[in-house]
């Protein structure tokens, strides 16, 4: 199938859609989620759960609000995802010793083992997504994508804390 054709016979790509970055970003996200579930499905996690586990592995005891800001989620969604991971004994939460209103989150030993076992599959998912690009194109794409996220970070529902 050529670039100008859609999947159906005699169908052409709707040029208006390929000029819409929001459409393309959403479609690329759908594609990545599909790739993620193909490569990581056996672990029973979602991309968001994986991101939370990655942060907890590198920042044990981070509080829920800071965790939400690290991955650009609202606090309620973060709390709900943590509850699901906690039910699976992947995460444990504790009340902060100095502030009873704050909960800290940690990966359990089971969570660390799961994350370690997932690393190759996670890398494979990202590799598949970026596979059509050569090394220089990958660097450029990531650089431009990072710039767009950084420059527009304040426009999202939940800003990333590290910009």
N, C-alpha and C. Protein backbone atom coordinates (compact mmCIF):
# COMPACT_ATOMS: atom_id res chain seq x y z
N UNK A 1 0.85 -1.17 0.00
CA UNK A 1 0.00 0.00 0.00
C UNK A 1 0.89 1.23 0.00
N UNK A 2 0.64 2.17 -0.88
CA UNK A 2 1.44 3.38 -0.94
C UNK A 2 0.97 4.37 0.12
N UNK A 3 1.78 5.38 0.35
CA UNK A 3 1.47 6.37 1.38
C UNK A 3 0.16 7.11 1.12
N UNK A 4 -0.21 7.30 -0.13
CA UNK A 4 -1.41 8.06 -0.45
C UNK A 4 -2.68 7.23 -0.42
N UNK A 5 -2.58 5.93 -0.17
CA UNK A 5 -3.75 5.07 -0.19
C UNK A 5 -4.16 4.68 1.22
N UNK A 6 -5.44 4.48 1.41
CA UNK A 6 -5.95 3.92 2.65
C UNK A 6 -6.11 2.43 2.45
N UNK A 7 -6.63 1.73 3.44
CA UNK A 7 -6.69 0.28 3.37
C UNK A 7 -7.71 -0.24 2.37
N UNK A 8 -8.77 0.49 2.10
CA UNK A 8 -9.81 0.01 1.19
C UNK A 8 -9.41 0.22 -0.27
N UNK A 9 -10.00 -0.57 -1.19
CA UNK A 9 -9.68 -0.42 -2.61
C UNK A 9 -10.13 0.95 -3.12
N UNK A 10 -9.22 1.61 -3.82
CA UNK A 10 -9.53 2.91 -4.40
C UNK A 10 -9.63 4.05 -3.40
N UNK A 11 -9.29 3.82 -2.16
CA UNK A 11 -9.40 4.86 -1.13
C UNK A 11 -8.09 5.62 -1.03
N UNK A 12 -8.19 6.91 -0.85
CA UNK A 12 -7.01 7.75 -0.67
C UNK A 12 -6.98 8.28 0.75
N UNK A 13 -5.78 8.57 1.22
CA UNK A 13 -5.59 9.14 2.55
C UNK A 13 -6.28 10.51 2.61
N UNK A 14 -7.02 10.77 3.69
CA UNK A 14 -7.67 12.09 3.83
C UNK A 14 -6.61 13.14 4.20
N UNK A 15 -6.18 13.91 3.21
CA UNK A 15 -5.08 14.85 3.42
C UNK A 15 -5.31 15.82 4.57
N UNK A 16 -6.57 16.17 4.82
CA UNK A 16 -6.82 17.12 5.90
C UNK A 16 -6.37 16.53 7.24
N UNK A 17 -6.54 15.22 7.43
CA UNK A 17 -6.19 14.60 8.72
C UNK A 17 -4.67 14.55 8.92
N UNK A 18 -3.92 14.36 7.85
CA UNK A 18 -2.47 14.27 8.01
C UNK A 18 -1.83 15.63 8.24
N UNK A 19 -2.63 16.69 8.15
CA UNK A 19 -2.14 18.02 8.48
C UNK A 19 -2.57 18.43 9.88
N UNK A 20 -3.15 17.53 10.62
CA UNK A 20 -3.64 17.80 11.97
C UNK A 20 -2.73 17.09 12.99
N UNK A 21 -1.80 17.84 13.61
CA UNK A 21 -0.88 17.18 14.54
C UNK A 21 -1.59 16.49 15.70
N UNK A 22 -2.69 17.08 16.19
CA UNK A 22 -3.42 16.44 17.28
C UNK A 22 -3.96 15.07 16.89
N UNK A 23 -4.48 14.98 15.69
CA UNK A 23 -4.97 13.69 15.19
C UNK A 23 -3.84 12.69 15.11
N UNK A 24 -2.71 13.12 14.56
CA UNK A 24 -1.58 12.20 14.39
C UNK A 24 -0.99 11.77 15.73
N UNK A 25 -0.91 12.69 16.69
CA UNK A 25 -0.40 12.35 18.02
C UNK A 25 -1.34 11.35 18.69
N UNK A 26 -2.65 11.59 18.58
CA UNK A 26 -3.62 10.65 19.17
C UNK A 26 -3.50 9.28 18.51
N UNK A 27 -3.38 9.27 17.19
CA UNK A 27 -3.26 7.99 16.47
C UNK A 27 -1.97 7.27 16.84
N UNK A 28 -0.88 8.02 16.97
CA UNK A 28 0.38 7.40 17.38
C UNK A 28 0.27 6.82 18.78
N UNK A 29 -0.44 7.51 19.66
CA UNK A 29 -0.67 6.99 21.01
C UNK A 29 -1.46 5.68 20.96
N UNK A 30 -2.51 5.64 20.13
CA UNK A 30 -3.28 4.40 19.97
C UNK A 30 -2.38 3.27 19.49
N UNK A 31 -1.53 3.57 18.55
CA UNK A 31 -0.61 2.56 18.01
C UNK A 31 0.33 2.08 19.10
N UNK A 32 0.89 3.02 19.89
CA UNK A 32 1.81 2.61 20.95
C UNK A 32 1.11 1.74 21.98
N UNK A 33 -0.10 2.11 22.36
CA UNK A 33 -0.84 1.30 23.35
C UNK A 33 -1.04 -0.11 22.82
N UNK A 34 -1.38 -0.23 21.55
CA UNK A 34 -1.54 -1.55 20.95
C UNK A 34 -0.23 -2.34 20.98
N UNK A 35 0.86 -1.69 20.61
CA UNK A 35 2.17 -2.35 20.65
C UNK A 35 2.51 -2.75 22.09
N UNK A 36 2.25 -1.84 23.04
CA UNK A 36 2.53 -2.13 24.45
C UNK A 36 1.79 -3.40 24.89
N UNK A 37 0.51 -3.49 24.57
CA UNK A 37 -0.25 -4.67 25.01
C UNK A 37 0.21 -5.94 24.30
N UNK A 38 0.69 -5.82 23.07
CA UNK A 38 1.23 -7.00 22.39
C UNK A 38 2.53 -7.47 23.04
N UNK A 39 3.37 -6.54 23.45
CA UNK A 39 4.67 -6.92 24.01
C UNK A 39 4.64 -7.10 25.52
N UNK A 40 3.79 -6.36 26.21
CA UNK A 40 3.78 -6.37 27.68
C UNK A 40 2.50 -6.94 28.28
N UNK A 41 1.59 -7.37 27.43
CA UNK A 41 0.30 -7.85 27.91
C UNK A 41 0.39 -8.96 28.93
N UNK A 42 1.38 -9.79 28.78
CA UNK A 42 1.51 -10.93 29.71
C UNK A 42 1.78 -10.49 31.15
N UNK A 43 2.18 -9.23 31.35
CA UNK A 43 2.46 -8.73 32.69
C UNK A 43 1.22 -8.13 33.35
N UNK A 44 0.17 -7.93 32.56
CA UNK A 44 -1.08 -7.41 33.11
C UNK A 44 -1.01 -5.96 33.55
N UNK A 45 -0.19 -5.17 32.90
CA UNK A 45 -0.06 -3.76 33.25
C UNK A 45 -0.45 -2.88 32.06
N UNK A 46 -0.68 -1.63 32.36
CA UNK A 46 -0.95 -0.63 31.33
C UNK A 46 0.28 0.27 31.20
N UNK A 47 0.36 1.06 30.13
CA UNK A 47 1.48 2.00 30.03
C UNK A 47 1.56 2.97 31.21
N UNK A 48 0.42 3.43 31.70
CA UNK A 48 0.44 4.34 32.86
C UNK A 48 0.95 3.62 34.11
N UNK A 49 0.49 2.39 34.32
CA UNK A 49 0.99 1.63 35.46
C UNK A 49 2.49 1.41 35.35
N UNK A 50 2.95 1.13 34.16
CA UNK A 50 4.37 0.95 33.93
C UNK A 50 5.15 2.22 34.27
N UNK A 51 4.62 3.38 33.85
CA UNK A 51 5.28 4.65 34.17
C UNK A 51 5.35 4.87 35.68
N UNK A 52 4.27 4.59 36.36
CA UNK A 52 4.25 4.74 37.83
C UNK A 52 5.28 3.82 38.46
N UNK A 53 5.34 2.59 38.00
CA UNK A 53 6.31 1.64 38.55
C UNK A 53 7.74 2.12 38.31
N UNK A 54 8.00 2.68 37.13
CA UNK A 54 9.34 3.18 36.81
C UNK A 54 9.73 4.30 37.78
N UNK A 55 8.81 5.24 38.02
CA UNK A 55 9.10 6.35 38.93
C UNK A 55 9.31 5.83 40.35
N UNK A 56 8.45 4.92 40.80
CA UNK A 56 8.59 4.39 42.16
C UNK A 56 9.90 3.62 42.33
N UNK A 57 10.35 3.00 41.27
CA UNK A 57 11.63 2.28 41.34
C UNK A 57 12.79 3.26 41.52
N UNK A 58 12.71 4.40 40.85
CA UNK A 58 13.81 5.36 40.94
C UNK A 58 13.65 6.35 42.08
N UNK A 59 12.42 6.51 42.60
CA UNK A 59 12.16 7.45 43.68
C UNK A 59 11.28 6.81 44.75
N UNK A 60 11.80 5.81 45.45
CA UNK A 60 10.98 5.14 46.46
C UNK A 60 10.49 6.12 47.53
N UNK A 61 9.23 6.01 47.89
CA UNK A 61 8.67 6.85 48.94
C UNK A 61 8.17 8.20 48.46
N UNK A 62 8.16 8.42 47.16
CA UNK A 62 7.64 9.67 46.62
C UNK A 62 6.18 9.79 47.03
N UNK A 63 5.74 11.02 47.34
CA UNK A 63 4.35 11.16 47.73
C UNK A 63 3.46 11.17 46.48
N UNK A 64 2.19 10.88 46.69
CA UNK A 64 1.27 10.70 45.56
C UNK A 64 1.16 11.94 44.69
N UNK A 65 1.16 13.13 45.30
CA UNK A 65 1.04 14.37 44.53
C UNK A 65 2.27 14.57 43.65
N UNK A 66 3.44 14.34 44.20
CA UNK A 66 4.68 14.48 43.43
C UNK A 66 4.75 13.42 42.33
N UNK A 67 4.29 12.21 42.63
CA UNK A 67 4.25 11.14 41.63
C UNK A 67 3.35 11.55 40.46
N UNK A 68 2.19 12.10 40.77
CA UNK A 68 1.27 12.55 39.73
C UNK A 68 1.95 13.59 38.84
N UNK A 69 2.67 14.53 39.45
CA UNK A 69 3.35 15.58 38.69
C UNK A 69 4.52 15.03 37.87
N UNK A 70 5.13 13.95 38.33
CA UNK A 70 6.25 13.35 37.59
C UNK A 70 5.81 12.77 36.25
N UNK A 71 4.58 12.25 36.19
CA UNK A 71 4.13 11.61 34.95
C UNK A 71 2.97 12.35 34.28
N UNK A 72 2.60 13.51 34.82
CA UNK A 72 1.58 14.33 34.18
C UNK A 72 0.16 13.79 34.30
N UNK A 73 -0.15 13.21 35.46
CA UNK A 73 -1.51 12.73 35.73
C UNK A 73 -2.12 13.57 36.83
N UNK A 74 -3.44 13.62 36.87
CA UNK A 74 -4.09 14.29 38.00
C UNK A 74 -4.00 13.37 39.22
N UNK A 75 -4.16 13.95 40.38
CA UNK A 75 -4.00 13.20 41.63
C UNK A 75 -5.01 12.07 41.78
N UNK A 76 -6.25 12.31 41.34
CA UNK A 76 -7.29 11.28 41.48
C UNK A 76 -6.96 10.05 40.64
N UNK A 77 -6.56 10.28 39.39
CA UNK A 77 -6.19 9.16 38.52
C UNK A 77 -5.00 8.42 39.10
N UNK A 78 -4.01 9.17 39.57
CA UNK A 78 -2.83 8.54 40.17
C UNK A 78 -3.22 7.68 41.36
N UNK A 79 -4.08 8.19 42.21
CA UNK A 79 -4.54 7.43 43.38
C UNK A 79 -5.28 6.16 42.95
N UNK A 80 -6.11 6.27 41.92
CA UNK A 80 -6.85 5.09 41.42
C UNK A 80 -5.90 4.04 40.85
N UNK A 81 -4.90 4.48 40.09
CA UNK A 81 -3.94 3.53 39.53
C UNK A 81 -3.14 2.88 40.65
N UNK A 82 -2.73 3.67 41.63
CA UNK A 82 -2.01 3.11 42.78
C UNK A 82 -2.87 2.09 43.53
N UNK A 83 -4.15 2.35 43.65
CA UNK A 83 -5.05 1.39 44.33
C UNK A 83 -5.07 0.06 43.58
N UNK A 84 -5.13 0.12 42.25
CA UNK A 84 -5.12 -1.13 41.47
C UNK A 84 -3.79 -1.87 41.63
N UNK A 85 -2.69 -1.13 41.62
CA UNK A 85 -1.38 -1.77 41.81
C UNK A 85 -1.23 -2.29 43.23
N UNK A 86 -1.78 -1.59 44.18
CA UNK A 86 -1.72 -2.03 45.58
C UNK A 86 -2.53 -3.32 45.76
N UNK A 87 -3.67 -3.42 45.10
CA UNK A 87 -4.50 -4.63 45.19
C UNK A 87 -3.76 -5.84 44.64
N UNK A 88 -2.86 -5.61 43.70
CA UNK A 88 -2.05 -6.69 43.13
C UNK A 88 -0.75 -6.91 43.90
N UNK A 89 -0.56 -6.17 44.97
CA UNK A 89 0.64 -6.25 45.82
C UNK A 89 1.92 -5.84 45.08
N UNK A 90 1.77 -4.94 44.12
CA UNK A 90 2.90 -4.41 43.37
C UNK A 90 3.41 -3.15 44.04
N UNK A 91 2.51 -2.44 44.69
CA UNK A 91 2.81 -1.17 45.34
C UNK A 91 2.27 -1.22 46.77
N UNK A 92 2.95 -0.52 47.65
CA UNK A 92 2.40 -0.31 48.99
C UNK A 92 2.45 1.19 49.28
N UNK A 93 1.45 1.65 50.01
CA UNK A 93 1.40 3.06 50.39
C UNK A 93 1.44 3.17 51.90
N UNK A 94 2.10 4.21 52.34
CA UNK A 94 2.22 4.48 53.77
C UNK A 94 1.95 5.95 54.03
N UNK A 95 1.38 6.23 55.16
CA UNK A 95 1.20 7.62 55.58
C UNK A 95 2.58 8.20 55.90
N UNK A 96 2.83 9.40 55.41
CA UNK A 96 4.12 10.05 55.64
C UNK A 96 4.27 10.30 57.14
N UNK A 97 5.42 9.97 57.72
CA UNK A 97 5.59 10.12 59.19
C UNK A 97 5.50 11.56 59.68
N UNK A 98 5.79 12.53 58.83
CA UNK A 98 5.76 13.93 59.26
C UNK A 98 4.49 14.67 58.85
N UNK A 99 3.69 14.06 57.99
CA UNK A 99 2.47 14.71 57.51
C UNK A 99 1.42 13.64 57.24
N UNK A 100 0.50 13.48 58.16
CA UNK A 100 -0.49 12.41 58.09
C UNK A 100 -1.43 12.55 56.89
N UNK A 101 -1.46 13.73 56.26
CA UNK A 101 -2.32 13.93 55.08
C UNK A 101 -1.66 13.41 53.81
N UNK A 102 -0.38 13.11 53.88
CA UNK A 102 0.39 12.73 52.71
C UNK A 102 0.66 11.23 52.71
N UNK A 103 0.46 10.61 51.56
CA UNK A 103 0.80 9.19 51.41
C UNK A 103 2.01 9.04 50.51
N UNK A 104 2.91 8.19 50.94
CA UNK A 104 4.08 7.84 50.14
C UNK A 104 3.82 6.50 49.48
N UNK A 105 4.44 6.30 48.32
CA UNK A 105 4.26 5.04 47.59
C UNK A 105 5.61 4.38 47.37
N UNK A 106 5.59 3.06 47.42
CA UNK A 106 6.79 2.24 47.25
C UNK A 106 6.45 1.04 46.38
N UNK A 107 7.42 0.60 45.59
CA UNK A 107 7.29 -0.69 44.92
C UNK A 107 7.56 -1.77 45.95
N UNK A 108 6.77 -2.82 45.95
CA UNK A 108 7.05 -3.95 46.82
C UNK A 108 8.14 -4.80 46.16
N UNK A 109 8.63 -5.80 46.87
CA UNK A 109 9.61 -6.69 46.24
C UNK A 109 8.98 -7.39 45.04
N UNK A 110 7.71 -7.73 45.13
CA UNK A 110 6.99 -8.33 44.00
C UNK A 110 6.92 -7.33 42.84
N UNK A 111 6.69 -6.06 43.14
CA UNK A 111 6.65 -5.02 42.12
C UNK A 111 8.00 -4.82 41.45
N UNK A 112 9.06 -4.86 42.25
CA UNK A 112 10.41 -4.71 41.68
C UNK A 112 10.75 -5.88 40.76
N UNK A 113 10.36 -7.08 41.18
CA UNK A 113 10.60 -8.27 40.35
C UNK A 113 9.82 -8.18 39.04
N UNK A 114 8.56 -7.75 39.14
CA UNK A 114 7.73 -7.60 37.94
C UNK A 114 8.34 -6.57 37.00
N UNK A 115 8.74 -5.42 37.54
CA UNK A 115 9.31 -4.36 36.70
C UNK A 115 10.60 -4.82 36.04
N UNK A 116 11.43 -5.51 36.77
CA UNK A 116 12.66 -6.03 36.19
C UNK A 116 12.35 -6.99 35.05
N UNK A 117 11.36 -7.84 35.24
CA UNK A 117 10.96 -8.79 34.20
C UNK A 117 10.33 -8.12 32.98
N UNK A 118 9.80 -6.91 33.17
CA UNK A 118 9.13 -6.19 32.10
C UNK A 118 10.09 -5.35 31.24
N UNK A 119 11.27 -5.05 31.74
CA UNK A 119 12.13 -4.06 31.09
C UNK A 119 12.39 -4.36 29.62
N UNK A 120 12.73 -5.59 29.30
CA UNK A 120 13.01 -5.92 27.90
C UNK A 120 11.77 -5.74 27.03
N UNK A 121 10.61 -6.12 27.54
CA UNK A 121 9.36 -5.97 26.78
C UNK A 121 9.02 -4.49 26.58
N UNK A 122 9.25 -3.67 27.61
CA UNK A 122 9.01 -2.23 27.49
C UNK A 122 9.92 -1.64 26.42
N UNK A 123 11.19 -2.00 26.47
CA UNK A 123 12.14 -1.51 25.46
C UNK A 123 11.75 -1.99 24.06
N UNK A 124 11.27 -3.22 23.98
CA UNK A 124 10.82 -3.74 22.69
C UNK A 124 9.64 -2.94 22.15
N UNK A 125 8.70 -2.58 23.03
CA UNK A 125 7.54 -1.79 22.60
C UNK A 125 7.99 -0.43 22.05
N UNK A 126 8.89 0.23 22.77
CA UNK A 126 9.39 1.52 22.29
C UNK A 126 10.18 1.35 21.00
N UNK A 127 10.94 0.28 20.92
CA UNK A 127 11.71 0.00 19.71
C UNK A 127 10.83 -0.24 18.50
N UNK A 128 9.73 -0.97 18.70
CA UNK A 128 8.80 -1.20 17.59
C UNK A 128 8.18 0.10 17.12
N UNK A 129 7.81 0.94 18.06
CA UNK A 129 7.20 2.22 17.70
C UNK A 129 8.17 3.05 16.86
N UNK A 130 9.42 3.09 17.27
CA UNK A 130 10.42 3.93 16.60
C UNK A 130 11.10 3.21 15.45
N UNK A 131 10.80 1.93 15.25
CA UNK A 131 11.46 1.11 14.24
C UNK A 131 11.51 1.68 12.83
N UNK A 132 10.46 2.33 12.36
CA UNK A 132 10.51 2.87 11.00
C UNK A 132 11.51 4.02 10.81
N UNK A 133 12.02 4.58 11.88
CA UNK A 133 12.95 5.71 11.79
C UNK A 133 14.39 5.23 11.95
N UNK A 134 15.30 5.85 11.20
CA UNK A 134 16.72 5.54 11.41
C UNK A 134 17.21 6.29 12.66
N UNK A 135 18.44 6.05 13.05
CA UNK A 135 18.97 6.60 14.30
C UNK A 135 18.89 8.12 14.35
N UNK A 136 19.27 8.79 13.28
CA UNK A 136 19.21 10.26 13.26
C UNK A 136 17.77 10.76 13.31
N UNK A 137 16.87 10.09 12.61
CA UNK A 137 15.46 10.48 12.64
C UNK A 137 14.88 10.28 14.03
N UNK A 138 15.27 9.22 14.71
CA UNK A 138 14.78 8.98 16.07
C UNK A 138 15.21 10.11 17.00
N UNK A 139 16.48 10.48 16.91
CA UNK A 139 16.98 11.57 17.76
C UNK A 139 16.23 12.87 17.46
N UNK A 140 16.02 13.17 16.19
CA UNK A 140 15.32 14.38 15.81
C UNK A 140 13.86 14.33 16.28
N UNK A 141 13.20 13.20 16.04
CA UNK A 141 11.79 13.06 16.45
C UNK A 141 11.66 13.26 17.96
N UNK A 142 12.49 12.58 18.74
CA UNK A 142 12.41 12.72 20.20
C UNK A 142 12.71 14.14 20.65
N UNK A 143 13.68 14.77 20.00
CA UNK A 143 14.02 16.15 20.33
C UNK A 143 12.84 17.08 20.07
N UNK A 144 12.20 16.93 18.91
CA UNK A 144 11.06 17.78 18.57
C UNK A 144 9.85 17.48 19.45
N UNK A 145 9.62 16.21 19.73
CA UNK A 145 8.52 15.82 20.60
C UNK A 145 8.72 16.39 22.00
N UNK A 146 9.93 16.28 22.52
CA UNK A 146 10.24 16.84 23.83
C UNK A 146 10.03 18.35 23.84
N UNK A 147 10.45 19.01 22.79
CA UNK A 147 10.27 20.47 22.71
C UNK A 147 8.79 20.83 22.72
N UNK A 148 7.97 20.11 21.95
CA UNK A 148 6.53 20.38 21.94
C UNK A 148 5.91 20.17 23.32
N UNK A 149 6.30 19.10 23.99
CA UNK A 149 5.77 18.83 25.33
C UNK A 149 6.23 19.91 26.30
N UNK A 150 7.50 20.25 26.24
CA UNK A 150 8.04 21.26 27.15
C UNK A 150 7.38 22.63 26.94
N UNK A 151 7.28 23.05 25.70
CA UNK A 151 6.72 24.37 25.40
C UNK A 151 5.22 24.46 25.67
N UNK A 152 4.54 23.33 25.66
CA UNK A 152 3.10 23.31 25.88
C UNK A 152 2.70 22.68 27.21
N UNK A 153 3.66 22.39 28.06
CA UNK A 153 3.42 21.68 29.31
C UNK A 153 2.34 22.35 30.17
N UNK A 154 2.34 23.67 30.20
CA UNK A 154 1.39 24.39 31.05
C UNK A 154 -0.04 24.37 30.50
N UNK A 155 -0.23 23.86 29.31
CA UNK A 155 -1.55 23.84 28.70
C UNK A 155 -2.31 22.54 28.97
N UNK A 156 -1.63 21.55 29.50
CA UNK A 156 -2.29 20.27 29.79
C UNK A 156 -3.06 20.33 31.10
N UNK A 157 -3.93 19.36 31.29
CA UNK A 157 -4.70 19.27 32.54
C UNK A 157 -3.77 19.08 33.74
N UNK A 158 -2.72 18.33 33.54
CA UNK A 158 -1.77 18.04 34.61
C UNK A 158 -0.37 18.24 34.05
N UNK A 159 0.29 19.28 34.53
CA UNK A 159 1.63 19.60 34.03
C UNK A 159 2.67 18.63 34.59
N UNK A 160 3.69 18.37 33.81
CA UNK A 160 4.83 17.60 34.30
C UNK A 160 5.66 18.51 35.20
N UNK A 161 6.15 17.97 36.29
CA UNK A 161 6.89 18.78 37.26
C UNK A 161 8.31 19.10 36.83
N UNK A 162 8.87 18.37 35.91
CA UNK A 162 10.28 18.51 35.62
C UNK A 162 10.58 19.47 34.49
N UNK A 163 9.60 20.28 34.09
CA UNK A 163 9.85 21.34 33.11
C UNK A 163 9.84 22.67 33.79
